Amino acid sequence: MGYELNIKREESQKISKKEWSQYIKTDSQFESIEEFSAELNEGETLTISTPNAGLWKSDKGEVPFTFYEKYGEISVKNPDNWIIEKMISIANELNAVVEGEEGERYDENYLKDPFSKLADNISLNSEKKWWQFWK
C-alpha cells in the first residue's frame, strides 16, 4: 500500500514509451531498468519486475520510476518532497503534470509551501469531492 503520484497528460495525449525512453537517455542521473531489487531484513532481497522503468540515482538515494504504457503515466510510490521536486521537473520536460490519487496537482507552488492545502488543487470535475469521504 501507500500513496502514488503520477506524471501524466490528458487522456488523448498520453506519454509514449518512446518519450519516456528518450527522457531516461537524456538525464544522466537515470538508467533504464526492467526490475528493481531492495534488501530486506537479514540479507533477504525482494526483486520486482518493472518493465520500461527508470532508476533515478540521486545523492539522496535510488528511486524507481515506473512507466505504465497502457495509461501513458510515470509513477512513484510514497515520494518525499525531494522526489516530488524531480517529478515536477520531469513533468515540465514532458509537458505533463504531477497528480496524486485524489486528483490533486503538485507543481512549483507546492514546492514553495508543501504544507499548504493540496485540496485547493483537486480537480473540480470529480463527482466525489475530497471531503465527501462517505460517498
N, C-alpha and C. Protein backbone atom coordinates (compact mmCIF):
# COMPACT_ATOMS: atom_id res chain seq x y z
N MET A 1 0.84 -1.18 0.00
CA MET A 1 0.00 0.00 0.00
C MET A 1 0.88 1.24 0.00
N GLY A 2 0.27 2.37 0.02
CA GLY A 2 0.98 3.62 0.01
C GLY A 2 0.31 4.57 -0.95
N TYR A 3 0.85 5.76 -1.01
CA TYR A 3 0.28 6.78 -1.87
C TYR A 3 1.14 6.92 -3.11
N GLU A 4 0.51 7.04 -4.26
CA GLU A 4 1.21 7.08 -5.52
C GLU A 4 0.97 8.41 -6.22
N LEU A 5 2.03 9.00 -6.74
CA LEU A 5 1.91 10.19 -7.57
C LEU A 5 2.26 9.80 -9.00
N ASN A 6 1.60 10.46 -9.96
CA ASN A 6 1.79 10.14 -11.37
C ASN A 6 2.14 11.37 -12.18
N ILE A 7 3.05 11.18 -13.11
CA ILE A 7 3.33 12.18 -14.14
C ILE A 7 2.46 11.78 -15.32
N LYS A 8 1.58 12.69 -15.74
CA LYS A 8 0.61 12.32 -16.77
C LYS A 8 0.17 13.52 -17.58
N ARG A 9 -0.50 13.22 -18.67
CA ARG A 9 -1.13 14.22 -19.53
C ARG A 9 -2.61 13.87 -19.66
N GLU A 10 -3.29 14.68 -20.46
CA GLU A 10 -4.69 14.37 -20.75
C GLU A 10 -4.77 13.03 -21.46
N GLU A 11 -5.90 12.38 -21.35
CA GLU A 11 -6.11 11.05 -21.93
C GLU A 11 -5.74 10.98 -23.41
N SER A 12 -6.04 12.02 -24.16
CA SER A 12 -5.79 12.00 -25.61
C SER A 12 -4.32 12.21 -25.98
N GLN A 13 -3.49 12.57 -25.00
CA GLN A 13 -2.08 12.86 -25.27
C GLN A 13 -1.17 12.13 -24.29
N LYS A 14 -1.38 10.85 -24.13
CA LYS A 14 -0.60 10.06 -23.18
C LYS A 14 0.90 10.16 -23.46
N ILE A 15 1.70 10.00 -22.42
CA ILE A 15 3.15 9.94 -22.57
C ILE A 15 3.47 8.59 -23.24
N SER A 16 4.26 8.64 -24.29
CA SER A 16 4.59 7.40 -25.01
C SER A 16 5.84 6.75 -24.42
N LYS A 17 5.96 5.47 -24.68
CA LYS A 17 7.15 4.72 -24.26
C LYS A 17 8.40 5.35 -24.86
N LYS A 18 8.30 5.79 -26.10
CA LYS A 18 9.44 6.42 -26.79
C LYS A 18 9.86 7.71 -26.08
N GLU A 19 8.88 8.54 -25.69
CA GLU A 19 9.19 9.79 -24.97
C GLU A 19 9.87 9.50 -23.64
N TRP A 20 9.36 8.51 -22.90
CA TRP A 20 9.93 8.16 -21.60
C TRP A 20 11.35 7.62 -21.78
N SER A 21 11.55 6.73 -22.75
CA SER A 21 12.88 6.18 -23.01
C SER A 21 13.86 7.29 -23.40
N GLN A 22 13.39 8.23 -24.21
CA GLN A 22 14.25 9.35 -24.61
C GLN A 22 14.62 10.22 -23.41
N TYR A 23 13.65 10.44 -22.52
CA TYR A 23 13.94 11.23 -21.32
C TYR A 23 15.04 10.54 -20.49
N ILE A 24 14.90 9.24 -20.28
CA ILE A 24 15.88 8.49 -19.49
C ILE A 24 17.28 8.62 -20.10
N LYS A 25 17.35 8.59 -21.43
CA LYS A 25 18.64 8.70 -22.12
C LYS A 25 19.27 10.09 -21.95
N THR A 26 18.44 11.12 -21.82
CA THR A 26 18.96 12.49 -21.74
C THR A 26 19.28 12.95 -20.33
N ASP A 27 18.77 12.23 -19.32
CA ASP A 27 19.03 12.60 -17.92
C ASP A 27 20.14 11.69 -17.39
N SER A 28 21.29 12.25 -17.13
CA SER A 28 22.46 11.45 -16.72
C SER A 28 22.27 10.76 -15.37
N GLN A 29 21.28 11.17 -14.59
CA GLN A 29 21.03 10.53 -13.29
C GLN A 29 20.10 9.32 -13.40
N PHE A 30 19.60 9.04 -14.61
CA PHE A 30 18.67 7.93 -14.81
C PHE A 30 19.33 6.80 -15.58
N GLU A 31 18.83 5.59 -15.30
CA GLU A 31 19.18 4.45 -16.14
C GLU A 31 17.92 3.61 -16.32
N SER A 32 17.82 2.96 -17.47
CA SER A 32 16.68 2.07 -17.73
C SER A 32 16.83 0.80 -16.91
N ILE A 33 15.71 0.34 -16.36
CA ILE A 33 15.72 -0.93 -15.61
C ILE A 33 14.49 -1.74 -16.01
N GLU A 34 14.59 -3.04 -15.84
CA GLU A 34 13.47 -3.94 -16.09
C GLU A 34 13.00 -4.60 -14.79
N GLU A 35 13.80 -4.43 -13.74
CA GLU A 35 13.41 -4.92 -12.42
C GLU A 35 14.12 -4.08 -11.37
N PHE A 36 13.53 -4.08 -10.17
CA PHE A 36 14.10 -3.31 -9.07
C PHE A 36 14.23 -4.23 -7.87
N SER A 37 15.38 -4.19 -7.23
CA SER A 37 15.63 -5.03 -6.05
C SER A 37 15.88 -4.17 -4.83
N ALA A 38 15.39 -4.63 -3.71
CA ALA A 38 15.61 -3.95 -2.43
C ALA A 38 15.97 -4.99 -1.39
N GLU A 39 16.91 -4.63 -0.52
CA GLU A 39 17.29 -5.55 0.55
C GLU A 39 16.32 -5.43 1.71
N LEU A 40 15.92 -6.59 2.22
CA LEU A 40 15.02 -6.65 3.37
C LEU A 40 15.85 -7.02 4.60
N ASN A 41 15.20 -7.46 5.60
CA ASN A 41 15.88 -7.87 6.84
C ASN A 41 16.80 -9.06 6.60
N GLU A 42 17.89 -9.08 7.32
CA GLU A 42 18.80 -10.22 7.38
C GLU A 42 19.27 -10.70 6.01
N GLY A 43 19.58 -9.77 5.12
CA GLY A 43 20.17 -10.12 3.84
C GLY A 43 19.22 -10.64 2.79
N GLU A 44 17.93 -10.69 3.07
CA GLU A 44 16.95 -11.11 2.07
C GLU A 44 16.76 -10.00 1.06
N THR A 45 16.51 -10.38 -0.19
CA THR A 45 16.31 -9.42 -1.26
C THR A 45 14.94 -9.64 -1.90
N LEU A 46 14.23 -8.56 -2.15
CA LEU A 46 12.96 -8.59 -2.86
C LEU A 46 13.19 -7.97 -4.23
N THR A 47 12.85 -8.70 -5.29
CA THR A 47 13.00 -8.20 -6.65
C THR A 47 11.64 -8.12 -7.30
N ILE A 48 11.35 -6.96 -7.90
CA ILE A 48 10.05 -6.72 -8.53
C ILE A 48 10.28 -6.39 -10.00
N SER A 49 9.51 -7.03 -10.87
CA SER A 49 9.58 -6.74 -12.29
C SER A 49 9.02 -5.34 -12.55
N THR A 50 9.78 -4.52 -13.26
CA THR A 50 9.36 -3.15 -13.56
C THR A 50 9.71 -2.83 -15.01
N PRO A 51 8.99 -3.43 -15.98
CA PRO A 51 9.31 -3.17 -17.38
C PRO A 51 9.22 -1.69 -17.73
N ASN A 52 10.15 -1.22 -18.53
CA ASN A 52 10.18 0.17 -19.02
C ASN A 52 10.36 1.20 -17.90
N ALA A 53 10.90 0.79 -16.79
CA ALA A 53 11.09 1.72 -15.66
C ALA A 53 12.43 2.44 -15.79
N GLY A 54 12.55 3.47 -14.98
CA GLY A 54 13.81 4.20 -14.89
C GLY A 54 14.23 4.29 -13.44
N LEU A 55 15.51 4.15 -13.19
CA LEU A 55 16.03 4.27 -11.83
C LEU A 55 16.77 5.59 -11.72
N TRP A 56 16.26 6.46 -10.84
CA TRP A 56 16.90 7.75 -10.61
C TRP A 56 17.92 7.57 -9.51
N LYS A 57 19.16 7.86 -9.83
CA LYS A 57 20.25 7.75 -8.85
C LYS A 57 20.65 9.16 -8.43
N SER A 58 20.08 9.60 -7.31
CA SER A 58 20.39 10.93 -6.80
C SER A 58 21.36 10.80 -5.63
N ASP A 59 21.83 11.93 -5.15
CA ASP A 59 22.73 11.89 -3.99
C ASP A 59 22.01 11.48 -2.71
N LYS A 60 20.67 11.48 -2.72
CA LYS A 60 19.90 11.08 -1.54
C LYS A 60 19.44 9.62 -1.59
N GLY A 61 19.60 8.98 -2.72
CA GLY A 61 19.20 7.58 -2.84
C GLY A 61 18.74 7.23 -4.24
N GLU A 62 18.40 5.96 -4.41
CA GLU A 62 17.92 5.47 -5.70
C GLU A 62 16.40 5.31 -5.64
N VAL A 63 15.73 5.82 -6.69
CA VAL A 63 14.27 5.83 -6.71
C VAL A 63 13.79 5.26 -8.04
N PRO A 64 12.98 4.20 -8.00
CA PRO A 64 12.42 3.67 -9.25
C PRO A 64 11.21 4.49 -9.70
N PHE A 65 11.19 4.82 -10.99
CA PHE A 65 10.07 5.49 -11.63
C PHE A 65 9.45 4.46 -12.58
N THR A 66 8.22 4.06 -12.33
CA THR A 66 7.57 3.02 -13.11
C THR A 66 6.75 3.65 -14.22
N PHE A 67 6.92 3.14 -15.44
CA PHE A 67 6.15 3.62 -16.59
C PHE A 67 5.06 2.61 -16.92
N TYR A 68 3.82 3.09 -16.97
CA TYR A 68 2.69 2.26 -17.35
C TYR A 68 2.25 2.66 -18.75
N GLU A 69 2.69 1.86 -19.73
CA GLU A 69 2.44 2.20 -21.14
C GLU A 69 0.95 2.29 -21.45
N LYS A 70 0.14 1.42 -20.88
CA LYS A 70 -1.30 1.41 -21.13
C LYS A 70 -1.93 2.77 -20.80
N TYR A 71 -1.49 3.38 -19.71
CA TYR A 71 -2.06 4.66 -19.26
C TYR A 71 -1.21 5.86 -19.67
N GLY A 72 0.01 5.63 -20.14
CA GLY A 72 0.89 6.73 -20.52
C GLY A 72 1.29 7.55 -19.31
N GLU A 73 1.54 6.88 -18.17
CA GLU A 73 1.86 7.56 -16.91
C GLU A 73 3.15 7.02 -16.31
N ILE A 74 3.84 7.90 -15.60
CA ILE A 74 5.05 7.55 -14.87
C ILE A 74 4.72 7.71 -13.40
N SER A 75 4.96 6.67 -12.59
CA SER A 75 4.52 6.67 -11.20
C SER A 75 5.65 6.44 -10.21
N VAL A 76 5.48 7.04 -9.04
CA VAL A 76 6.38 6.81 -7.91
C VAL A 76 5.51 6.63 -6.68
N LYS A 77 5.82 5.62 -5.89
CA LYS A 77 5.07 5.37 -4.66
C LYS A 77 5.72 6.08 -3.47
N ASN A 78 4.89 6.69 -2.65
CA ASN A 78 5.30 7.34 -1.40
C ASN A 78 6.49 8.30 -1.55
N PRO A 79 6.43 9.23 -2.51
CA PRO A 79 7.58 10.11 -2.70
C PRO A 79 7.71 11.18 -1.62
N ASP A 80 8.95 11.42 -1.20
CA ASP A 80 9.27 12.54 -0.33
C ASP A 80 9.32 13.81 -1.18
N ASN A 81 9.43 14.97 -0.53
CA ASN A 81 9.43 16.24 -1.26
C ASN A 81 10.56 16.35 -2.28
N TRP A 82 11.75 15.82 -1.96
CA TRP A 82 12.86 15.90 -2.92
C TRP A 82 12.58 15.05 -4.16
N ILE A 83 11.78 14.01 -4.02
CA ILE A 83 11.39 13.19 -5.18
C ILE A 83 10.29 13.91 -5.96
N ILE A 84 9.36 14.52 -5.25
CA ILE A 84 8.29 15.29 -5.90
C ILE A 84 8.90 16.41 -6.73
N GLU A 85 9.94 17.04 -6.21
CA GLU A 85 10.62 18.10 -6.96
C GLU A 85 11.15 17.56 -8.29
N LYS A 86 11.75 16.37 -8.28
CA LYS A 86 12.25 15.75 -9.51
C LYS A 86 11.09 15.40 -10.43
N MET A 87 10.00 14.90 -9.86
CA MET A 87 8.83 14.56 -10.67
C MET A 87 8.27 15.79 -11.38
N ILE A 88 8.24 16.92 -10.70
CA ILE A 88 7.75 18.16 -11.31
C ILE A 88 8.68 18.57 -12.45
N SER A 89 9.98 18.42 -12.23
CA SER A 89 10.96 18.74 -13.27
C SER A 89 10.75 17.86 -14.51
N ILE A 90 10.54 16.57 -14.30
CA ILE A 90 10.29 15.65 -15.42
C ILE A 90 8.98 16.01 -16.12
N ALA A 91 7.95 16.29 -15.34
CA ALA A 91 6.65 16.67 -15.92
C ALA A 91 6.80 17.91 -16.80
N ASN A 92 7.57 18.89 -16.35
CA ASN A 92 7.79 20.09 -17.15
C ASN A 92 8.48 19.76 -18.47
N GLU A 93 9.46 18.85 -18.42
CA GLU A 93 10.18 18.42 -19.63
C GLU A 93 9.23 17.72 -20.62
N LEU A 94 8.28 16.96 -20.09
CA LEU A 94 7.38 16.17 -20.93
C LEU A 94 6.05 16.87 -21.19
N ASN A 95 5.94 18.13 -20.82
CA ASN A 95 4.71 18.89 -20.99
C ASN A 95 3.53 18.14 -20.34
N ALA A 96 3.73 17.76 -19.09
CA ALA A 96 2.75 16.98 -18.35
C ALA A 96 2.56 17.61 -16.97
N VAL A 97 1.82 16.93 -16.10
CA VAL A 97 1.59 17.39 -14.73
C VAL A 97 1.86 16.25 -13.76
N VAL A 98 2.05 16.59 -12.49
CA VAL A 98 2.17 15.60 -11.43
C VAL A 98 0.85 15.63 -10.66
N GLU A 99 0.25 14.45 -10.54
CA GLU A 99 -1.07 14.38 -9.94
C GLU A 99 -1.12 13.22 -8.95
N GLY A 100 -1.80 13.45 -7.83
CA GLY A 100 -1.99 12.42 -6.81
C GLY A 100 -3.22 11.58 -7.10
N GLU A 101 -3.43 10.58 -6.28
CA GLU A 101 -4.55 9.65 -6.45
C GLU A 101 -5.91 10.31 -6.32
N GLU A 102 -5.98 11.41 -5.61
CA GLU A 102 -7.24 12.13 -5.42
C GLU A 102 -7.40 13.27 -6.41
N GLY A 103 -6.53 13.35 -7.41
CA GLY A 103 -6.63 14.39 -8.43
C GLY A 103 -5.92 15.68 -8.08
N GLU A 104 -5.24 15.72 -6.94
CA GLU A 104 -4.54 16.95 -6.56
C GLU A 104 -3.27 17.11 -7.39
N ARG A 105 -2.95 18.37 -7.71
CA ARG A 105 -1.80 18.69 -8.55
C ARG A 105 -0.63 19.14 -7.69
N TYR A 106 0.55 18.69 -8.07
CA TYR A 106 1.80 19.09 -7.41
C TYR A 106 2.60 19.87 -8.44
N ASP A 107 2.93 21.12 -8.09
CA ASP A 107 3.67 21.97 -9.01
C ASP A 107 4.64 22.87 -8.24
N GLU A 108 5.16 23.88 -8.92
CA GLU A 108 6.13 24.77 -8.27
C GLU A 108 5.54 25.45 -7.04
N ASN A 109 4.24 25.74 -7.05
CA ASN A 109 3.60 26.35 -5.88
C ASN A 109 3.63 25.39 -4.70
N TYR A 110 3.46 24.11 -4.95
CA TYR A 110 3.56 23.12 -3.88
C TYR A 110 4.96 23.15 -3.29
N LEU A 111 5.97 23.25 -4.13
CA LEU A 111 7.35 23.25 -3.64
C LEU A 111 7.64 24.46 -2.75
N LYS A 112 6.99 25.59 -3.05
CA LYS A 112 7.18 26.78 -2.23
C LYS A 112 6.59 26.62 -0.84
N ASP A 113 5.48 25.87 -0.75
CA ASP A 113 4.80 25.69 0.53
C ASP A 113 4.17 24.30 0.58
N PRO A 114 4.98 23.25 0.83
CA PRO A 114 4.45 21.88 0.81
C PRO A 114 3.43 21.59 1.90
N PHE A 115 3.32 22.47 2.89
CA PHE A 115 2.36 22.23 3.96
C PHE A 115 1.04 22.96 3.73
N SER A 116 0.93 23.62 2.56
CA SER A 116 -0.33 24.29 2.25
C SER A 116 -1.37 23.23 1.90
N LYS A 117 -2.58 23.64 1.79
CA LYS A 117 -3.66 22.70 1.49
C LYS A 117 -3.60 22.28 0.03
N LEU A 118 -3.37 21.01 -0.21
CA LEU A 118 -3.43 20.48 -1.56
C LEU A 118 -4.87 20.41 -2.05
N ALA A 119 -5.81 20.47 -1.14
CA ALA A 119 -7.22 20.38 -1.52
C ALA A 119 -7.60 21.47 -2.50
N ASP A 120 -6.90 22.61 -2.48
CA ASP A 120 -7.19 23.69 -3.41
C ASP A 120 -6.87 23.27 -4.84
N ASN A 121 -6.01 22.28 -5.01
CA ASN A 121 -5.60 21.85 -6.34
C ASN A 121 -6.37 20.64 -6.85
N ILE A 122 -7.30 20.12 -6.09
CA ILE A 122 -8.05 18.95 -6.52
C ILE A 122 -8.97 19.33 -7.66
N SER A 123 -9.04 18.46 -8.63
CA SER A 123 -9.86 18.70 -9.81
C SER A 123 -11.32 18.93 -9.41
N LEU A 124 -11.92 19.92 -10.02
CA LEU A 124 -13.32 20.22 -9.74
C LEU A 124 -14.25 19.34 -10.55
N ASN A 125 -13.69 18.54 -11.47
CA ASN A 125 -14.51 17.67 -12.31
C ASN A 125 -14.91 16.39 -11.62
N SER A 126 -14.36 16.10 -10.50
CA SER A 126 -14.64 14.85 -9.79
C SER A 126 -16.04 14.88 -9.18
N GLU A 127 -16.77 13.77 -9.33
CA GLU A 127 -18.09 13.69 -8.70
C GLU A 127 -17.96 13.65 -7.19
N LYS A 128 -16.93 12.99 -6.71
CA LYS A 128 -16.71 12.87 -5.26
C LYS A 128 -15.71 13.93 -4.84
N LYS A 129 -16.13 14.82 -4.01
CA LYS A 129 -15.24 15.87 -3.50
C LYS A 129 -14.33 15.29 -2.44
N TRP A 130 -13.18 15.90 -2.22
CA TRP A 130 -12.18 15.37 -1.29
C TRP A 130 -12.71 15.21 0.11
N TRP A 131 -13.68 16.03 0.49
CA TRP A 131 -14.18 15.97 1.86
C TRP A 131 -15.39 15.07 1.99
N GLN A 132 -15.87 14.49 0.87
CA GLN A 132 -17.05 13.62 0.92
C GLN A 132 -16.60 12.17 1.05
N PHE A 133 -16.01 11.85 2.19
CA PHE A 133 -15.44 10.52 2.39
C PHE A 133 -16.49 9.41 2.46
N TRP A 134 -17.74 9.76 2.70
CA TRP A 134 -18.78 8.76 2.87
C TRP A 134 -19.36 8.29 1.54
N LYS A 135 -19.06 8.96 0.43
CA LYS A 135 -19.62 8.57 -0.88
C LYS A 135 -18.85 7.46 -1.49
